Amino acid sequence: MDLDPRRLLVLATVARTGGIAPAARALGVSRSAVSQQLAALEQETGLPLLDRTGPRPELTGAGRVLAATGEQISGQLAAAREQLAGSQSLFGQVAIGASPWLIARLAAGVVQLLNHYHPGLEPSFQEYDLVGGLRAMRRGELDVLLLADDRDTAVPLPPGTRARLMGEDDYRVVVPDSWEPPATPQELSGRPWITAPPQSARGRAFSRFAAEHGIEPATVHVAEHPAAVAALMAARLGAAVLPTFMAAQLPQATTTTLPVSGTLIFRLLHRDGHTAQDLASRIAADALLQAARNHLEAETAAGRIALEIRVRALRDPSE
């Protein structure tokens, strides 16, 4: 009997996380991809590994045995990574730039991962907006930058850097719950709006939406931080173009069905050379990516995320 160890790792993740959907989020793949790997493993063994008769799939006896084997393989791979990390002897500080909102959610996870796998690396977190962060990357003052961008007008990369796409979200037009939901975008011309700085991703998305539909705001409120946007929306001070994830968190708002072009993307920039500092930059970027996955998994498990996280292959505009 030939067993693919990669499928055993998938089965171990299902056992560890408690289901196919959380396993897919932890692995960064789709639920169908996890299901396909499990089906292929059942074909290889000739045994049912999941009991699908109940309200949720449960591991069979054979499934638990193979999941334990997969967990052993995972542990051996982790030990190998630690040995490689020790042989590389990376030491020193790695500067990470991000918005305050992202630092608050990911910094602790990044520190934990680096302390475990690369204890010689010391992360230094610095608050930056998009413009300031790109300037710092060009000057060599940052090793890693996590930024929100607009796919249709994505900013060019600084020399010597690479971008990896961490996430993508559709835009939605959101209005205060005291307003009558608009049937057309033109109905929102002459109304107050909550926008973002013009150079920001949401600022560019709003400018594009307004230009496409001839919208002239009566009053413009400018807010970039999600907490500020939420406060202005709670005061029912205007409409806004927001990513779906943010819109779902606003209780005093109505998400309309008006079409909005483009998407919001989260880009992870890091150095792309061959020096020790470049390697440290890539390792810190990996830690940020994993910390983001862990954060989303924890928030979903706790029921604090109302929307289902869609897992799919993503490509940065620079690729």
C-alpha atoms as a PDB file:
ATOM      1  CA  MET A   1       0.000   0.000   0.000  1.00  0.00           C
ATOM      2  CA  ASP A   2       1.566   3.296  -1.137  1.00  0.00           C
ATOM      3  CA  LEU A   3       0.445   6.315   0.890  1.00  0.00           C
ATOM      4  CA  ASP A   4       1.131   9.918  -0.065  1.00  0.00           C
ATOM      5  CA  PRO A   5       2.570  11.615   3.072  1.00  0.00           C
ATOM      6  CA  ARG A   6       1.147  14.952   1.959  1.00  0.00           C
ATOM      7  CA  ARG A   7      -2.351  13.507   2.248  1.00  0.00           C
ATOM      8  CA  LEU A   8      -1.534  12.222   5.725  1.00  0.00           C
ATOM      9  CA  LEU A   9      -0.597  15.796   6.665  1.00  0.00           C
ATOM     10  CA  VAL A  10      -3.973  16.981   5.380  1.00  0.00           C
ATOM     11  CA  LEU A  11      -5.756  14.308   7.420  1.00  0.00           C
ATOM     12  CA  ALA A  12      -3.754  15.284  10.512  1.00  0.00           C
ATOM     13  CA  THR A  13      -4.808  18.908  10.024  1.00  0.00           C
ATOM     14  CA  VAL A  14      -8.463  17.860   9.796  1.00  0.00           C
ATOM     15  CA  ALA A  15      -8.102  15.954  13.062  1.00  0.00           C
ATOM     16  CA  ARG A  16      -6.247  18.815  14.770  1.00  0.00           C
ATOM     17  CA  THR A  17      -8.600  21.603  13.662  1.00  0.00           C
ATOM     18  CA  GLY A  18     -11.835  19.660  13.977  1.00  0.00           C
ATOM     19  CA  GLY A  19     -13.217  19.716  10.453  1.00  0.00           C
ATOM     20  CA  ILE A  20     -12.720  20.180   6.729  1.00  0.00           C
ATOM     21  CA  ALA A  21     -13.456  23.939   6.653  1.00  0.00           C
ATOM     22  CA  PRO A  22     -11.045  24.901   9.469  1.00  0.00           C
ATOM     23  CA  ALA A  23      -8.414  22.572   7.995  1.00  0.00           C
ATOM     24  CA  ALA A  24      -8.763  24.348   4.648  1.00  0.00           C
ATOM     25  CA  ARG A  25      -8.243  27.724   6.321  1.00  0.00           C
ATOM     26  CA  ALA A  26      -5.222  26.451   8.253  1.00  0.00           C
ATOM     27  CA  LEU A  27      -3.666  24.990   5.095  1.00  0.00           C
ATOM     28  CA  GLY A  28      -4.534  27.977   2.905  1.00  0.00           C
ATOM     29  CA  VAL A  29      -6.478  25.911   0.360  1.00  0.00           C
ATOM     30  CA  SER A  30     -10.126  25.438  -0.571  1.00  0.00           C
ATOM     31  CA  ARG A  31     -12.479  23.033   1.184  1.00  0.00           C
ATOM     32  CA  SER A  32     -12.890  21.089  -2.045  1.00  0.00           C
ATOM     33  CA  ALA A  33      -9.104  20.610  -2.220  1.00  0.00           C
ATOM     34  CA  VAL A  34      -9.116  19.103   1.291  1.00  0.00           C
ATOM     35  CA  SER A  35     -12.060  16.851   0.397  1.00  0.00           C
ATOM     36  CA  GLN A  36     -10.284  15.690  -2.762  1.00  0.00           C
ATOM     37  CA  GLN A  37      -7.128  14.809  -0.823  1.00  0.00           C
ATOM     38  CA  LEU A  38      -9.142  12.831   1.721  1.00  0.00           C
ATOM     39  CA  ALA A  39     -11.037  10.991  -1.014  1.00  0.00           C
ATOM     40  CA  ALA A  40      -7.747  10.087  -2.704  1.00  0.00           C
ATOM     41  CA  LEU A  41      -6.332   8.832   0.610  1.00  0.00           C
ATOM     42  CA  GLU A  42      -9.413   6.653   1.124  1.00  0.00           C
ATOM     43  CA  GLN A  43      -8.849   5.185  -2.346  1.00  0.00           C
ATOM     44  CA  GLU A  44      -5.196   4.473  -1.503  1.00  0.00           C
ATOM     45  CA  THR A  45      -6.085   2.693   1.751  1.00  0.00           C
ATOM     46  CA  GLY A  46      -9.340   1.109   0.624  1.00  0.00           C
ATOM     47  CA  LEU A  47     -10.818   2.174   3.960  1.00  0.00           C
ATOM     48  CA  PRO A  48     -13.287   4.883   5.010  1.00  0.00           C
ATOM     49  CA  LEU A  49     -11.415   7.534   6.967  1.00  0.00           C
ATOM     50  CA  LEU A  50     -14.388   9.806   7.687  1.00  0.00           C
ATOM     51  CA  ASP A  51     -17.812   8.879   9.013  1.00  0.00           C
ATOM     52  CA  ARG A  52     -20.140  11.160   7.031  1.00  0.00           C
ATOM     53  CA  THR A  53     -23.458   9.847   8.398  1.00  0.00           C
ATOM     54  CA  GLY A  54     -23.738  12.399  11.231  1.00  0.00           C
ATOM     55  CA  PRO A  55     -24.278  16.168  11.179  1.00  0.00           C
ATOM     56  CA  ARG A  56     -20.522  16.653  10.777  1.00  0.00           C
ATOM     57  CA  PRO A  57     -17.802  14.284   9.501  1.00  0.00           C
ATOM     58  CA  GLU A  58     -15.931  12.345  12.211  1.00  0.00           C
ATOM     59  CA  LEU A  59     -12.713  10.350  11.871  1.00  0.00           C
ATOM     60  CA  THR A  60     -13.120   6.568  11.801  1.00  0.00           C
ATOM     61  CA  GLY A  61     -10.736   4.276  13.688  1.00  0.00           C
ATOM     62  CA  ALA A  62      -8.541   3.968  10.601  1.00  0.00           C
ATOM     63  CA  GLY A  63      -8.711   7.726  10.137  1.00  0.00           C
ATOM     64  CA  ARG A  64      -7.456   8.332  13.674  1.00  0.00           C
ATOM     65  CA  VAL A  65      -4.534   5.938  13.149  1.00  0.00           C
ATOM     66  CA  LEU A  66      -3.464   7.647   9.936  1.00  0.00           C
ATOM     67  CA  ALA A  67      -4.031  11.118  11.411  1.00  0.00           C
ATOM     68  CA  ALA A  68      -1.634  10.230  14.232  1.00  0.00           C
ATOM     69  CA  THR A  69       0.930   9.148  11.632  1.00  0.00           C
ATOM     70  CA  GLY A  70       0.434  12.425   9.798  1.00  0.00           C
ATOM     71  CA  GLU A  71       0.960  14.311  13.067  1.00  0.00           C
ATOM     72  CA  GLN A  72       4.258  12.479  13.559  1.00  0.00           C
ATOM     73  CA  ILE A  73       5.342  13.467  10.052  1.00  0.00           C
ATOM     74  CA  SER A  74       4.365  17.067  10.790  1.00  0.00           C
ATOM     75  CA  GLY A  75       6.473  16.998  13.953  1.00  0.00           C
ATOM     76  CA  GLN A  76       9.475  15.624  12.073  1.00  0.00           C
ATOM     77  CA  LEU A  77       9.154  18.333   9.426  1.00  0.00           C
ATOM     78  CA  ALA A  78       8.950  21.000  12.140  1.00  0.00           C
ATOM     79  CA  ALA A  79      12.097  19.596  13.755  1.00  0.00           C
ATOM     80  CA  ALA A  80      13.875  19.685  10.391  1.00  0.00           C
ATOM     81  CA  ARG A  81      12.852  23.319   9.918  1.00  0.00           C
ATOM     82  CA  GLU A  82      14.226  24.168  13.353  1.00  0.00           C
ATOM     83  CA  GLN A  83      17.534  22.488  12.531  1.00  0.00           C
ATOM     84  CA  LEU A  84      17.779  24.417   9.262  1.00  0.00           C
ATOM     85  CA  ALA A  85      16.910  27.638  11.050  1.00  0.00           C
ATOM     86  CA  GLY A  86      19.654  27.001  13.587  1.00  0.00           C
ATOM     87  CA  SER A  87      22.193  26.265  10.852  1.00  0.00           C
ATOM     88  CA  GLN A  88      21.444  29.581   9.164  1.00  0.00           C
ATOM     89  CA  SER A  89      22.328  31.461  12.371  1.00  0.00           C
ATOM     90  CA  LEU A  90      20.216  34.507  11.649  1.00  0.00           C
ATOM     91  CA  PHE A  91      20.551  37.255  14.224  1.00  0.00           C
ATOM     92  CA  GLY A  92      19.533  40.863  14.486  1.00  0.00           C
ATOM     93  CA  GLN A  93      16.553  43.110  14.054  1.00  0.00           C
ATOM     94  CA  VAL A  94      13.991  42.932  11.272  1.00  0.00           C
ATOM     95  CA  ALA A  95      11.840  46.045  10.739  1.00  0.00           C
ATOM     96  CA  ILE A  96       8.156  45.428   9.957  1.00  0.00           C
ATOM     97  CA  GLY A  97       5.807  48.224   8.867  1.00  0.00           C
ATOM     98  CA  ALA A  98       2.003  48.031   8.907  1.00  0.00           C
ATOM     99  CA  SER A  99      -1.099  49.985   9.845  1.00  0.00           C
ATOM    100  CA  PRO A 100      -2.016  50.232  13.557  1.00  0.00           C
ATOM    101  CA  TRP A 101      -5.057  48.006  12.926  1.00  0.00           C
ATOM    102  CA  LEU A 102      -2.911  45.202  11.486  1.00  0.00           C
ATOM    103  CA  ILE A 103      -0.154  45.525  14.080  1.00  0.00           C
ATOM    104  CA  ALA A 104      -2.722  45.171  16.858  1.00  0.00           C
ATOM    105  CA  ARG A 105      -3.958  41.867  15.417  1.00  0.00           C
ATOM    106  CA  LEU A 106      -0.787  40.234  14.112  1.00  0.00           C
ATOM    107  CA  ALA A 107       2.222  41.453  16.112  1.00  0.00           C
ATOM    108  CA  ALA A 108       1.852  38.969  18.993  1.00  0.00           C
ATOM    109  CA  GLY A 109       1.534  36.036  16.587  1.00  0.00           C
ATOM    110  CA  VAL A 110       4.600  37.112  14.600  1.00  0.00           C
ATOM    111  CA  VAL A 111       6.677  37.423  17.770  1.00  0.00           C
ATOM    112  CA  GLN A 112       5.568  33.971  18.928  1.00  0.00           C
ATOM    113  CA  LEU A 113       6.452  32.331  15.600  1.00  0.00           C
ATOM    114  CA  LEU A 114       9.848  34.033  15.292  1.00  0.00           C
ATOM    115  CA  ASN A 115      10.740  33.253  18.914  1.00  0.00           C
ATOM    116  CA  HIS A 116       9.977  29.600  18.246  1.00  0.00           C
ATOM    117  CA  TYR A 117      11.601  29.092  14.844  1.00  0.00           C
ATOM    118  CA  HIS A 118      14.161  31.929  14.631  1.00  0.00           C
ATOM    119  CA  PRO A 119      14.977  33.132  18.152  1.00  0.00           C
ATOM    120  CA  GLY A 120      17.914  35.148  16.856  1.00  0.00           C
ATOM    121  CA  LEU A 121      15.605  37.490  14.943  1.00  0.00           C
ATOM    122  CA  GLU A 122      14.052  40.424  16.798  1.00  0.00           C
ATOM    123  CA  PRO A 123      11.017  42.016  15.084  1.00  0.00           C
ATOM    124  CA  SER A 124      10.636  45.778  15.300  1.00  0.00           C
ATOM    125  CA  PHE A 125       7.100  46.978  14.482  1.00  0.00           C
ATOM    126  CA  GLN A 126       6.505  50.449  13.089  1.00  0.00           C
ATOM    127  CA  GLU A 127       3.226  52.157  12.160  1.00  0.00           C
ATOM    128  CA  TYR A 128       3.043  53.319   8.542  1.00  0.00           C
ATOM    129  CA  ASP A 129       0.414  54.281   6.037  1.00  0.00           C
ATOM    130  CA  LEU A 130       0.790  53.256   2.413  1.00  0.00           C
ATOM    131  CA  VAL A 131       2.780  56.292   1.236  1.00  0.00           C
ATOM    132  CA  GLY A 132       5.095  56.444   4.236  1.00  0.00           C
ATOM    133  CA  GLY A 133       5.654  52.696   4.205  1.00  0.00           C
ATOM    134  CA  LEU A 134       6.660  52.643   0.550  1.00  0.00           C
ATOM    135  CA  ARG A 135       9.049  55.538   1.170  1.00  0.00           C
ATOM    136  CA  ALA A 136      10.612  53.661   4.067  1.00  0.00           C
ATOM    137  CA  MET A 137      11.001  50.513   1.936  1.00  0.00           C
ATOM    138  CA  ARG A 138      12.738  52.497  -0.815  1.00  0.00           C
ATOM    139  CA  ARG A 139      15.122  54.013   1.736  1.00  0.00           C
ATOM    140  CA  GLY A 140      15.935  50.614   3.228  1.00  0.00           C
ATOM    141  CA  GLU A 141      14.382  51.546   6.590  1.00  0.00           C
ATOM    142  CA  LEU A 142      11.915  48.621   6.478  1.00  0.00           C
ATOM    143  CA  ASP A 143      12.470  44.945   5.748  1.00  0.00           C
ATOM    144  CA  VAL A 144       8.789  44.026   5.467  1.00  0.00           C
ATOM    145  CA  LEU A 145       5.700  46.103   4.700  1.00  0.00           C
ATOM    146  CA  LEU A 146       2.081  44.972   4.982  1.00  0.00           C
ATOM    147  CA  LEU A 147      -0.277  47.323   3.170  1.00  0.00           C
ATOM    148  CA  ALA A 148      -3.808  47.595   1.856  1.00  0.00           C
ATOM    149  CA  ASP A 149      -3.963  48.426  -1.860  1.00  0.00           C
ATOM    150  CA  ASP A 150      -6.495  48.718  -4.657  1.00  0.00           C
ATOM    151  CA  ARG A 151      -6.009  46.052  -7.323  1.00  0.00           C
ATOM    152  CA  ASP A 152      -7.081  48.258 -10.233  1.00  0.00           C
ATOM    153  CA  THR A 153      -4.579  50.976  -9.289  1.00  0.00           C
ATOM    154  CA  ALA A 154      -1.947  48.935  -7.422  1.00  0.00           C
ATOM    155  CA  VAL A 155       1.188  50.894  -6.552  1.00  0.00           C
ATOM    156  CA  PRO A 156       4.483  49.887  -8.228  1.00  0.00           C
ATOM    157  CA  LEU A 157       6.957  47.987  -6.077  1.00  0.00           C
ATOM    158  CA  PRO A 158      10.136  49.617  -4.745  1.00  0.00           C
ATOM    159  CA  PRO A 159      13.335  48.238  -6.339  1.00  0.00           C
ATOM    160  CA  GLY A 160      14.632  45.021  -4.830  1.00  0.00           C
ATOM    161  CA  THR A 161      11.327  43.964  -3.294  1.00  0.00           C
ATOM    162  CA  ARG A 162       8.768  41.256  -3.941  1.00  0.00           C
ATOM    163  CA  ALA A 163       5.044  41.360  -3.144  1.00  0.00           C
ATOM    164  CA  ARG A 164       2.898  38.432  -2.028  1.00  0.00           C
ATOM    165  CA  LEU A 165      -0.865  38.713  -1.893  1.00  0.00           C
ATOM    166  CA  MET A 166      -2.291  37.821   1.538  1.00  0.00           C
ATOM    167  CA  GLY A 167      -5.969  38.475   0.915  1.00  0.00           C
ATOM    168  CA  GLU A 168      -8.543  40.068  -1.363  1.00  0.00           C
ATOM    169  CA  ASP A 169     -12.021  41.462  -0.738  1.00  0.00           C
ATOM    170  CA  ASP A 170     -14.811  42.914  -2.863  1.00  0.00           C
ATOM    171  CA  TYR A 171     -15.996  46.488  -2.339  1.00  0.00           C
ATOM    172  CA  ARG A 172     -19.521  47.347  -1.220  1.00  0.00           C
ATOM    173  CA  VAL A 173     -21.475  50.610  -0.980  1.00  0.00           C
ATOM    174  CA  VAL A 174     -22.656  51.027   2.600  1.00  0.00           C
ATOM    175  CA  VAL A 175     -25.206  53.578   3.837  1.00  0.00           C
ATOM    176  CA  PRO A 176     -26.492  54.424   7.347  1.00  0.00           C
ATOM    177  CA  ASP A 177     -29.387  52.228   8.419  1.00  0.00           C
ATOM    178  CA  SER A 178     -31.569  55.342   8.737  1.00  0.00           C
ATOM    179  CA  TRP A 179     -31.305  55.970   4.958  1.00  0.00           C
ATOM    180  CA  GLU A 180     -33.557  54.486   2.326  1.00  0.00           C
ATOM    181  CA  PRO A 181     -31.363  52.000   0.411  1.00  0.00           C
ATOM    182  CA  PRO A 182     -30.527  53.555  -2.978  1.00  0.00           C
ATOM    183  CA  ALA A 183     -31.625  51.821  -6.178  1.00  0.00           C
ATOM    184  CA  THR A 184     -28.914  53.503  -8.281  1.00  0.00           C
ATOM    185  CA  PRO A 185     -25.518  55.068  -7.503  1.00  0.00           C
ATOM    186  CA  GLN A 186     -26.752  58.430  -8.799  1.00  0.00           C
ATOM    187  CA  GLU A 187     -29.178  58.671  -5.868  1.00  0.00           C
ATOM    188  CA  LEU A 188     -26.148  59.108  -3.603  1.00  0.00           C
ATOM    189  CA  SER A 189     -24.944  62.231  -5.393  1.00  0.00           C
ATOM    190  CA  GLY A 190     -25.478  65.290  -3.223  1.00  0.00           C
ATOM    191  CA  ARG A 191     -25.398  63.157  -0.047  1.00  0.00           C
ATOM    192  CA  PRO A 192     -22.609  63.144   2.575  1.00  0.00           C
ATOM    193  CA  TRP A 193     -19.858  60.530   2.192  1.00  0.00           C
ATOM    194  CA  ILE A 194     -17.244  58.920   4.435  1.00  0.00           C
ATOM    195  CA  THR A 195     -14.129  58.506   2.315  1.00  0.00           C
ATOM    196  CA  ALA A 196     -10.435  57.837   2.959  1.00  0.00           C
ATOM    197  CA  PRO A 197      -7.230  59.762   2.103  1.00  0.00           C
ATOM    198  CA  PRO A 198      -7.007  60.099  -1.708  1.00  0.00           C
ATOM    199  CA  GLN A 199      -3.792  58.051  -1.958  1.00  0.00           C
ATOM    200  CA  SER A 200      -5.163  55.177   0.134  1.00  0.00           C
ATOM    201  CA  ALA A 201      -6.759  52.060  -1.374  1.00  0.00           C
ATOM    202  CA  ARG A 202     -10.275  52.988  -0.256  1.00  0.00           C
ATOM    203  CA  GLY A 203      -9.730  56.586  -1.323  1.00  0.00           C
ATOM    204  CA  ARG A 204      -8.841  55.476  -4.843  1.00  0.00           C
ATOM    205  CA  ALA A 205     -11.782  53.056  -4.923  1.00  0.00           C
ATOM    206  CA  PHE A 206     -14.199  55.830  -3.939  1.00  0.00           C
ATOM    207  CA  SER A 207     -12.753  58.237  -6.509  1.00  0.00           C
ATOM    208  CA  ARG A 208     -13.201  55.613  -9.220  1.00  0.00           C
ATOM    209  CA  PHE A 209     -16.773  54.871  -8.127  1.00  0.00           C
ATOM    210  CA  ALA A 210     -17.676  58.575  -7.967  1.00  0.00           C
ATOM    211  CA  ALA A 211     -16.172  59.256 -11.405  1.00  0.00           C
ATOM    212  CA  GLU A 212     -17.959  56.276 -12.979  1.00  0.00           C
ATOM    213  CA  HIS A 213     -21.369  57.417 -11.722  1.00  0.00           C
ATOM    214  CA  GLY A 214     -21.020  61.201 -11.594  1.00  0.00           C
ATOM    215  CA  ILE A 215     -21.350  61.391  -7.801  1.00  0.00           C
ATOM    216  CA  GLU A 216     -20.717  64.759  -6.156  1.00  0.00           C
ATOM    217  CA  PRO A 217     -20.674  64.456  -2.338  1.00  0.00           C
ATOM    218  CA  ALA A 218     -22.401  67.196  -0.349  1.00  0.00           C
ATOM    219  CA  THR A 219     -19.971  66.720   2.544  1.00  0.00           C
ATOM    220  CA  VAL A 220     -16.808  64.635   2.725  1.00  0.00           C
ATOM    221  CA  HIS A 221     -15.628  62.998   5.951  1.00  0.00           C
ATOM    222  CA  VAL A 222     -12.140  61.459   5.698  1.00  0.00           C
ATOM    223  CA  ALA A 223     -11.277  58.461   7.886  1.00  0.00           C
ATOM    224  CA  GLU A 224      -8.762  55.679   7.283  1.00  0.00           C
ATOM    225  CA  HIS A 225      -8.730  53.629  10.503  1.00  0.00           C
ATOM    226  CA  PRO A 226     -11.614  51.093  10.716  1.00  0.00           C
ATOM    227  CA  ALA A 227     -12.547  52.336  14.200  1.00  0.00           C
ATOM    228  CA  ALA A 228     -12.933  55.890  12.874  1.00  0.00           C
ATOM    229  CA  VAL A 229     -15.049  54.672   9.958  1.00  0.00           C
ATOM    230  CA  ALA A 230     -17.240  52.692  12.359  1.00  0.00           C
ATOM    231  CA  ALA A 231     -17.709  55.734  14.607  1.00  0.00           C
ATOM    232  CA  LEU A 232     -18.728  57.982  11.703  1.00  0.00           C
ATOM    233  CA  MET A 233     -21.089  55.350  10.347  1.00  0.00           C
ATOM    234  CA  ALA A 234     -22.593  54.836  13.825  1.00  0.00           C
ATOM    235  CA  ALA A 235     -23.307  58.580  13.871  1.00  0.00           C
ATOM    236  CA  ARG A 236     -25.004  58.105  10.462  1.00  0.00           C
ATOM    237  CA  LEU A 237     -22.835  60.792   8.867  1.00  0.00           C
ATOM    238  CA  GLY A 238     -22.589  59.407   5.332  1.00  0.00           C
ATOM    239  CA  ALA A 239     -22.286  56.612   2.791  1.00  0.00           C
ATOM    240  CA  ALA A 240     -19.028  54.795   2.167  1.00  0.00           C
ATOM    241  CA  VAL A 241     -17.278  52.412  -0.228  1.00  0.00           C
ATOM    242  CA  LEU A 242     -15.902  49.669   2.042  1.00  0.00           C
ATOM    243  CA  PRO A 243     -14.535  46.147   1.709  1.00  0.00           C
ATOM    244  CA  THR A 244     -17.131  43.461   2.423  1.00  0.00           C
ATOM    245  CA  PHE A 245     -15.344  42.300   5.568  1.00  0.00           C
ATOM    246  CA  MET A 246     -15.447  45.767   7.134  1.00  0.00           C
ATOM    247  CA  ALA A 247     -19.018  46.407   6.016  1.00  0.00           C
ATOM    248  CA  ALA A 248     -20.201  43.246   7.777  1.00  0.00           C
ATOM    249  CA  GLN A 249     -18.856  44.551  11.111  1.00  0.00           C
ATOM    250  CA  LEU A 250     -20.960  47.759  11.112  1.00  0.00           C
ATOM    251  CA  PRO A 251     -24.256  47.314  13.003  1.00  0.00           C
ATOM    252  CA  GLN A 252     -25.681  50.760  12.153  1.00  0.00           C
ATOM    253  CA  ALA A 253     -25.220  50.329   8.408  1.00  0.00           C
ATOM    254  CA  THR A 254     -26.959  48.805   5.406  1.00  0.00           C
ATOM    255  CA  THR A 255     -24.860  47.082   2.746  1.00  0.00           C
ATOM    256  CA  THR A 256     -26.386  47.844  -0.655  1.00  0.00           C
ATOM    257  CA  THR A 257     -26.371  45.751  -3.813  1.00  0.00           C
ATOM    258  CA  LEU A 258     -24.898  48.547  -5.939  1.00  0.00           C
ATOM    259  CA  PRO A 259     -22.021  47.266  -8.107  1.00  0.00           C
ATOM    260  CA  VAL A 260     -18.535  48.546  -7.291  1.00  0.00           C
ATOM    261  CA  SER A 261     -15.576  47.786  -9.556  1.00  0.00           C
ATOM    262  CA  GLY A 262     -12.221  46.609  -8.268  1.00  0.00           C
ATOM    263  CA  THR A 263     -11.122  44.818  -5.124  1.00  0.00           C
ATOM    264  CA  LEU A 264      -9.175  45.625  -1.968  1.00  0.00           C
ATOM    265  CA  ILE A 265      -5.982  43.591  -1.641  1.00  0.00           C
ATOM    266  CA  PHE A 266      -3.529  43.084   1.215  1.00  0.00           C
ATOM    267  CA  ARG A 267       0.035  42.985  -0.093  1.00  0.00           C
ATOM    268  CA  LEU A 268       3.058  41.720   1.827  1.00  0.00           C
ATOM    269  CA  LEU A 269       6.278  43.325   0.583  1.00  0.00           C
ATOM    270  CA  HIS A 270       9.726  42.037   1.546  1.00  0.00           C
ATOM    271  CA  ARG A 271      13.316  42.280   0.349  1.00  0.00           C
ATOM    272  CA  ASP A 272      14.187  39.978  -2.536  1.00  0.00           C
ATOM    273  CA  GLY A 273      17.984  39.704  -2.513  1.00  0.00           C
ATOM    274  CA  HIS A 274      20.552  37.146  -1.336  1.00  0.00           C
ATOM    275  CA  THR A 275      22.034  38.734   1.778  1.00  0.00           C
ATOM    276  CA  ALA A 276      21.396  37.542   5.343  1.00  0.00           C
ATOM    277  CA  GLN A 277      19.123  40.542   5.895  1.00  0.00           C
ATOM    278  CA  ASP A 278      17.139  39.639   2.771  1.00  0.00           C
ATOM    279  CA  LEU A 279      16.683  36.124   4.143  1.00  0.00           C
ATOM    280  CA  ALA A 280      15.552  37.563   7.472  1.00  0.00           C
ATOM    281  CA  SER A 281      13.068  39.720   5.564  1.00  0.00           C
ATOM    282  CA  ARG A 282      11.562  36.678   3.810  1.00  0.00           C
ATOM    283  CA  ILE A 283      11.365  34.748   7.082  1.00  0.00           C
ATOM    284  CA  ALA A 284       9.567  37.640   8.785  1.00  0.00           C
ATOM    285  CA  ALA A 285       7.159  37.829   5.826  1.00  0.00           C
ATOM    286  CA  ASP A 286       6.442  34.102   6.199  1.00  0.00           C
ATOM    287  CA  ALA A 287       5.741  34.647   9.903  1.00  0.00           C
ATOM    288  CA  LEU A 288       3.343  37.492   9.094  1.00  0.00           C
ATOM    289  CA  LEU A 289       1.495  35.344   6.587  1.00  0.00           C
ATOM    290  CA  GLN A 290       1.139  32.475   9.060  1.00  0.00           C
ATOM    291  CA  ALA A 291       0.129  34.832  11.881  1.00  0.00           C
ATOM    292  CA  ALA A 292      -2.627  36.229   9.658  1.00  0.00           C
ATOM    293  CA  ARG A 293      -3.921  32.722   8.914  1.00  0.00           C
ATOM    294  CA  ASN A 294      -3.834  31.818  12.607  1.00  0.00           C
ATOM    295  CA  HIS A 295      -5.682  35.026  13.521  1.00  0.00           C
ATOM    296  CA  LEU A 296      -8.456  34.414  10.994  1.00  0.00           C
ATOM    297  CA  GLU A 297      -8.799  30.809  12.137  1.00  0.00           C
ATOM    298  CA  ALA A 298      -9.108  31.883  15.795  1.00  0.00           C
ATOM    299  CA  GLU A 299     -11.614  34.640  14.989  1.00  0.00           C
ATOM    300  CA  THR A 300     -13.714  32.258  12.909  1.00  0.00           C
ATOM    301  CA  ALA A 301     -13.676  29.574  15.613  1.00  0.00           C
ATOM    302  CA  ALA A 302     -14.751  32.173  18.201  1.00  0.00           C
ATOM    303  CA  GLY A 303     -17.663  33.294  16.016  1.00  0.00           C
ATOM    304  CA  ARG A 304     -16.370  36.853  15.712  1.00  0.00           C
ATOM    305  CA  ILE A 305     -16.281  36.729  11.899  1.00  0.00           C
ATOM    306  CA  ALA A 306     -19.727  36.829  10.347  1.00  0.00           C
ATOM    307  CA  LEU A 307     -18.613  36.017   6.804  1.00  0.00           C
ATOM    308  CA  GLU A 308     -17.111  32.786   5.548  1.00  0.00           C
ATOM    309  CA  ILE A 309     -13.459  33.171   4.609  1.00  0.00           C
ATOM    310  CA  ARG A 310     -12.955  32.040   1.019  1.00  0.00           C
ATOM    311  CA  VAL A 311      -9.677  30.269   0.386  1.00  0.00           C
ATOM    312  CA  ARG A 312      -8.317  30.409  -3.140  1.00  0.00           C
ATOM    313  CA  ALA A 313      -5.068  30.932  -5.008  1.00  0.00           C
ATOM    314  CA  LEU A 314      -4.126  34.624  -5.173  1.00  0.00           C
ATOM    315  CA  ARG A 315      -1.692  36.450  -7.421  1.00  0.00           C
ATOM    316  CA  ASP A 316      -0.199  39.848  -6.758  1.00  0.00           C
ATOM    317  CA  PRO A 317      -0.652  42.481  -9.523  1.00  0.00           C
ATOM    318  CA  SER A 318       3.135  42.493  -9.964  1.00  0.00           C
ATOM    319  CA  GLU A 319       3.211  38.800 -10.980  1.00  0.00           C
END
